[in-house]
Amino acid sequence: MQLNLTGKNFQITPAIKTHSEEKFNQLFKRYTPVNNVHVVLHIENMDHCAEGTLHFHGTEIHAASKASDMYIAINELVDKLSDQMHKHKEKMIDSHRHSS
């Protein structure tokens, strides 16, 4: 698993990098077949934005979040990606159940 953090017109501080790694490590522990994640952090007007793309079970999952604080945006991004991964995993399980 590989985590790529990119700041667009935004300097990624060591604290933000550490926070992101901790949150995504929780996600990696829950869903082990994650290959890599690319996260782009940027600021639009007064909103802090986090966009992420991850490769999971041969599919690409994308999510984005906006918040007043970058830490909150990262937390929301991880939650959205986790929800999408759970839905995808459930679809995979259901398709295997119905194909038998």
N, C-alpha and C. Protein backbone atom coordinates (compact mmCIF):
# COMPACT_ATOMS: atom_id res chain seq x y z
N MET A 1 0.84 -1.17 0.00
CA MET A 1 0.00 0.00 0.00
C MET A 1 0.89 1.23 0.00
N GLN A 2 0.45 2.22 -0.74
CA GLN A 2 1.25 3.43 -0.91
C GLN A 2 0.33 4.64 -0.81
N LEU A 3 0.74 5.63 -0.04
CA LEU A 3 -0.02 6.86 0.13
C LEU A 3 0.77 8.01 -0.48
N ASN A 4 0.17 8.67 -1.48
CA ASN A 4 0.79 9.83 -2.12
C ASN A 4 0.01 11.08 -1.74
N LEU A 5 0.66 12.02 -1.09
CA LEU A 5 0.04 13.29 -0.72
C LEU A 5 0.59 14.38 -1.62
N THR A 6 -0.31 15.18 -2.18
CA THR A 6 0.09 16.28 -3.04
C THR A 6 -0.63 17.53 -2.58
N GLY A 7 0.09 18.62 -2.49
CA GLY A 7 -0.50 19.91 -2.15
C GLY A 7 -0.54 20.80 -3.37
N LYS A 8 -1.71 21.25 -3.73
CA LYS A 8 -1.87 22.14 -4.88
C LYS A 8 -2.08 23.55 -4.32
N ASN A 9 -1.10 24.43 -4.55
CA ASN A 9 -1.11 25.78 -3.98
C ASN A 9 -1.26 25.73 -2.46
N PHE A 10 -0.67 24.70 -1.87
CA PHE A 10 -0.81 24.47 -0.44
C PHE A 10 0.41 23.69 0.04
N GLN A 11 1.02 24.17 1.09
CA GLN A 11 2.18 23.49 1.66
C GLN A 11 1.72 22.44 2.67
N ILE A 12 2.12 21.21 2.45
CA ILE A 12 1.74 20.14 3.36
C ILE A 12 2.71 20.15 4.54
N THR A 13 2.17 20.41 5.72
CA THR A 13 2.99 20.45 6.92
C THR A 13 3.22 19.04 7.45
N PRO A 14 4.25 18.86 8.26
CA PRO A 14 4.47 17.53 8.85
C PRO A 14 3.28 17.05 9.69
N ALA A 15 2.57 17.98 10.35
CA ALA A 15 1.41 17.60 11.16
C ALA A 15 0.27 17.07 10.28
N ILE A 16 0.03 17.72 9.14
CA ILE A 16 -1.01 17.26 8.22
C ILE A 16 -0.62 15.92 7.61
N LYS A 17 0.64 15.76 7.28
CA LYS A 17 1.12 14.49 6.72
C LYS A 17 0.94 13.36 7.73
N THR A 18 1.30 13.61 8.98
CA THR A 18 1.14 12.59 10.03
C THR A 18 -0.32 12.25 10.25
N HIS A 19 -1.18 13.28 10.29
CA HIS A 19 -2.62 13.06 10.48
C HIS A 19 -3.18 12.22 9.33
N SER A 20 -2.81 12.55 8.11
CA SER A 20 -3.29 11.80 6.94
C SER A 20 -2.83 10.35 7.00
N GLU A 21 -1.57 10.14 7.33
CA GLU A 21 -1.05 8.78 7.39
C GLU A 21 -1.77 7.96 8.45
N GLU A 22 -2.05 8.57 9.61
CA GLU A 22 -2.76 7.85 10.67
C GLU A 22 -4.17 7.46 10.22
N LYS A 23 -4.89 8.40 9.60
CA LYS A 23 -6.26 8.12 9.16
C LYS A 23 -6.29 7.05 8.07
N PHE A 24 -5.39 7.16 7.09
CA PHE A 24 -5.39 6.19 6.00
C PHE A 24 -4.86 4.84 6.46
N ASN A 25 -3.98 4.79 7.45
CA ASN A 25 -3.54 3.50 7.98
C ASN A 25 -4.70 2.75 8.62
N GLN A 26 -5.62 3.47 9.27
CA GLN A 26 -6.81 2.83 9.82
C GLN A 26 -7.64 2.22 8.68
N LEU A 27 -7.74 2.94 7.57
CA LEU A 27 -8.47 2.44 6.41
C LEU A 27 -7.77 1.22 5.81
N PHE A 28 -6.43 1.26 5.75
CA PHE A 28 -5.67 0.14 5.19
C PHE A 28 -5.80 -1.10 6.06
N LYS A 29 -5.88 -0.93 7.36
CA LYS A 29 -6.04 -2.08 8.25
C LYS A 29 -7.40 -2.73 8.08
N ARG A 30 -8.41 -1.90 7.83
CA ARG A 30 -9.78 -2.42 7.68
C ARG A 30 -9.97 -3.11 6.34
N TYR A 31 -9.40 -2.53 5.29
CA TYR A 31 -9.52 -3.08 3.93
C TYR A 31 -8.12 -3.36 3.41
N THR A 32 -7.67 -4.58 3.56
CA THR A 32 -6.28 -4.91 3.23
C THR A 32 -5.93 -4.87 1.74
N PRO A 33 -6.82 -5.14 0.80
CA PRO A 33 -6.37 -5.18 -0.59
C PRO A 33 -6.24 -3.80 -1.27
N VAL A 34 -6.03 -2.74 -0.52
CA VAL A 34 -5.84 -1.42 -1.12
C VAL A 34 -4.42 -1.35 -1.67
N ASN A 35 -4.29 -1.01 -2.94
CA ASN A 35 -2.96 -0.94 -3.56
C ASN A 35 -2.29 0.40 -3.29
N ASN A 36 -2.93 1.47 -3.73
CA ASN A 36 -2.36 2.79 -3.49
C ASN A 36 -3.46 3.85 -3.42
N VAL A 37 -3.11 4.97 -2.78
CA VAL A 37 -4.03 6.08 -2.61
C VAL A 37 -3.31 7.35 -3.01
N HIS A 38 -3.98 8.17 -3.80
CA HIS A 38 -3.44 9.48 -4.17
C HIS A 38 -4.38 10.55 -3.62
N VAL A 39 -3.85 11.42 -2.76
CA VAL A 39 -4.64 12.47 -2.13
C VAL A 39 -4.10 13.82 -2.55
N VAL A 40 -5.02 14.71 -2.99
CA VAL A 40 -4.67 16.07 -3.35
C VAL A 40 -5.34 17.01 -2.36
N LEU A 41 -4.54 17.83 -1.71
CA LEU A 41 -5.05 18.81 -0.76
C LEU A 41 -4.88 20.21 -1.36
N HIS A 42 -5.94 21.01 -1.29
CA HIS A 42 -5.84 22.37 -1.81
C HIS A 42 -6.87 23.25 -1.12
N ILE A 43 -6.74 24.54 -1.34
CA ILE A 43 -7.66 25.52 -0.74
C ILE A 43 -8.35 26.28 -1.85
N GLU A 44 -9.69 26.31 -1.80
CA GLU A 44 -10.50 27.09 -2.74
C GLU A 44 -11.23 28.15 -1.94
N ASN A 45 -10.97 29.39 -2.25
CA ASN A 45 -11.52 30.52 -1.49
C ASN A 45 -11.20 30.31 -0.01
N MET A 46 -12.18 30.05 0.81
CA MET A 46 -11.94 29.81 2.24
C MET A 46 -12.15 28.35 2.62
N ASP A 47 -12.44 27.50 1.64
CA ASP A 47 -12.70 26.09 1.92
C ASP A 47 -11.42 25.27 1.74
N HIS A 48 -11.21 24.35 2.65
CA HIS A 48 -10.11 23.41 2.54
C HIS A 48 -10.65 22.16 1.87
N CYS A 49 -10.01 21.73 0.80
CA CYS A 49 -10.50 20.61 0.00
C CYS A 49 -9.51 19.45 0.04
N ALA A 50 -10.07 18.27 0.09
CA ALA A 50 -9.29 17.04 0.01
C ALA A 50 -9.96 16.13 -1.00
N GLU A 51 -9.18 15.67 -1.97
CA GLU A 51 -9.67 14.76 -3.00
C GLU A 51 -8.80 13.52 -2.97
N GLY A 52 -9.43 12.37 -3.07
CA GLY A 52 -8.66 11.14 -3.01
C GLY A 52 -9.12 10.11 -4.02
N THR A 53 -8.17 9.37 -4.55
CA THR A 53 -8.44 8.27 -5.46
C THR A 53 -7.67 7.06 -4.95
N LEU A 54 -8.37 5.94 -4.80
CA LEU A 54 -7.68 4.74 -4.36
C LEU A 54 -8.02 3.58 -5.27
N HIS A 55 -7.09 2.64 -5.34
CA HIS A 55 -7.25 1.45 -6.17
C HIS A 55 -7.52 0.28 -5.23
N PHE A 56 -8.70 -0.35 -5.44
CA PHE A 56 -9.22 -1.35 -4.52
C PHE A 56 -9.90 -2.45 -5.32
N HIS A 57 -9.42 -3.68 -5.18
CA HIS A 57 -10.01 -4.82 -5.90
C HIS A 57 -10.11 -4.57 -7.39
N GLY A 58 -9.11 -3.95 -7.98
CA GLY A 58 -9.11 -3.72 -9.42
C GLY A 58 -9.99 -2.57 -9.87
N THR A 59 -10.59 -1.84 -8.95
CA THR A 59 -11.41 -0.69 -9.31
C THR A 59 -10.79 0.58 -8.73
N GLU A 60 -11.22 1.68 -9.27
CA GLU A 60 -10.74 2.98 -8.82
C GLU A 60 -11.89 3.70 -8.13
N ILE A 61 -11.68 4.13 -6.90
CA ILE A 61 -12.71 4.81 -6.13
C ILE A 61 -12.25 6.23 -5.86
N HIS A 62 -13.15 7.19 -6.13
CA HIS A 62 -12.80 8.60 -5.97
C HIS A 62 -13.79 9.27 -5.02
N ALA A 63 -13.27 10.18 -4.20
CA ALA A 63 -14.13 10.96 -3.30
C ALA A 63 -13.48 12.32 -3.08
N ALA A 64 -14.31 13.28 -2.69
CA ALA A 64 -13.82 14.63 -2.40
C ALA A 64 -14.60 15.19 -1.23
N SER A 65 -13.95 16.09 -0.49
CA SER A 65 -14.64 16.72 0.63
C SER A 65 -14.13 18.15 0.79
N LYS A 66 -15.00 18.99 1.33
CA LYS A 66 -14.67 20.38 1.61
C LYS A 66 -15.07 20.66 3.05
N ALA A 67 -14.23 21.44 3.74
CA ALA A 67 -14.53 21.80 5.12
C ALA A 67 -13.81 23.11 5.45
N SER A 68 -14.10 23.63 6.63
CA SER A 68 -13.47 24.87 7.06
C SER A 68 -12.05 24.63 7.57
N ASP A 69 -11.71 23.36 7.84
CA ASP A 69 -10.39 23.01 8.37
C ASP A 69 -9.86 21.81 7.57
N MET A 70 -8.55 21.79 7.30
CA MET A 70 -7.97 20.72 6.49
C MET A 70 -8.07 19.37 7.20
N TYR A 71 -7.94 19.34 8.52
CA TYR A 71 -8.04 18.09 9.26
C TYR A 71 -9.44 17.50 9.13
N ILE A 72 -10.46 18.34 9.21
CA ILE A 72 -11.84 17.88 9.05
C ILE A 72 -12.07 17.37 7.63
N ALA A 73 -11.52 18.07 6.64
CA ALA A 73 -11.66 17.64 5.25
C ALA A 73 -11.02 16.26 5.04
N ILE A 74 -9.87 16.03 5.66
CA ILE A 74 -9.20 14.73 5.53
C ILE A 74 -10.04 13.64 6.20
N ASN A 75 -10.58 13.94 7.39
CA ASN A 75 -11.42 12.96 8.09
C ASN A 75 -12.65 12.61 7.26
N GLU A 76 -13.30 13.62 6.68
CA GLU A 76 -14.48 13.37 5.85
C GLU A 76 -14.12 12.57 4.61
N LEU A 77 -12.96 12.85 4.03
CA LEU A 77 -12.52 12.11 2.85
C LEU A 77 -12.34 10.63 3.18
N VAL A 78 -11.69 10.34 4.29
CA VAL A 78 -11.47 8.95 4.69
C VAL A 78 -12.82 8.26 4.94
N ASP A 79 -13.75 8.96 5.57
CA ASP A 79 -15.08 8.39 5.82
C ASP A 79 -15.81 8.08 4.51
N LYS A 80 -15.75 9.01 3.55
CA LYS A 80 -16.42 8.78 2.26
C LYS A 80 -15.79 7.61 1.52
N LEU A 81 -14.46 7.54 1.51
CA LEU A 81 -13.80 6.43 0.82
C LEU A 81 -14.13 5.10 1.51
N SER A 82 -14.19 5.10 2.83
CA SER A 82 -14.53 3.90 3.57
C SER A 82 -15.94 3.43 3.22
N ASP A 83 -16.89 4.37 3.16
CA ASP A 83 -18.26 4.02 2.80
C ASP A 83 -18.34 3.43 1.40
N GLN A 84 -17.63 4.04 0.45
CA GLN A 84 -17.65 3.54 -0.93
C GLN A 84 -17.01 2.16 -1.02
N MET A 85 -15.93 1.96 -0.27
CA MET A 85 -15.27 0.66 -0.28
C MET A 85 -16.18 -0.41 0.31
N HIS A 86 -16.90 -0.06 1.36
CA HIS A 86 -17.85 -1.01 1.98
C HIS A 86 -18.95 -1.38 0.99
N LYS A 87 -19.50 -0.37 0.28
CA LYS A 87 -20.53 -0.65 -0.73
C LYS A 87 -20.00 -1.57 -1.82
N HIS A 88 -18.78 -1.28 -2.27
CA HIS A 88 -18.20 -2.10 -3.34
C HIS A 88 -17.99 -3.54 -2.86
N LYS A 89 -17.51 -3.67 -1.63
CA LYS A 89 -17.28 -5.00 -1.08
C LYS A 89 -18.59 -5.78 -0.95
N GLU A 90 -19.66 -5.09 -0.50
CA GLU A 90 -20.97 -5.74 -0.39
C GLU A 90 -21.50 -6.16 -1.76
N LYS A 91 -21.30 -5.34 -2.78
CA LYS A 91 -21.72 -5.71 -4.14
C LYS A 91 -20.99 -6.96 -4.61
N MET A 92 -19.69 -7.03 -4.30
CA MET A 92 -18.91 -8.18 -4.70
C MET A 92 -19.43 -9.44 -4.02
N ILE A 93 -19.73 -9.35 -2.73
CA ILE A 93 -20.25 -10.49 -1.97
C ILE A 93 -21.61 -10.91 -2.51
N ASP A 94 -22.50 -9.93 -2.78
CA ASP A 94 -23.82 -10.25 -3.30
C ASP A 94 -23.75 -10.89 -4.68
N SER A 95 -22.86 -10.41 -5.52
CA SER A 95 -22.77 -10.99 -6.87
C SER A 95 -22.26 -12.42 -6.79
N HIS A 96 -21.42 -12.75 -5.84
CA HIS A 96 -20.95 -14.12 -5.68
C HIS A 96 -22.05 -15.02 -5.13
N ARG A 97 -22.90 -14.46 -4.27
CA ARG A 97 -24.01 -15.24 -3.71
C ARG A 97 -25.03 -15.58 -4.77
N HIS A 98 -25.33 -14.61 -5.65
CA HIS A 98 -26.36 -14.81 -6.65
C HIS A 98 -25.89 -15.63 -7.84
N SER A 99 -24.61 -15.69 -8.06
CA SER A 99 -24.10 -16.44 -9.21
C SER A 99 -24.08 -17.94 -8.95
N SER A 100 -24.15 -18.36 -7.71
CA SER A 100 -24.11 -19.81 -7.39
C SER A 100 -25.43 -20.47 -7.66
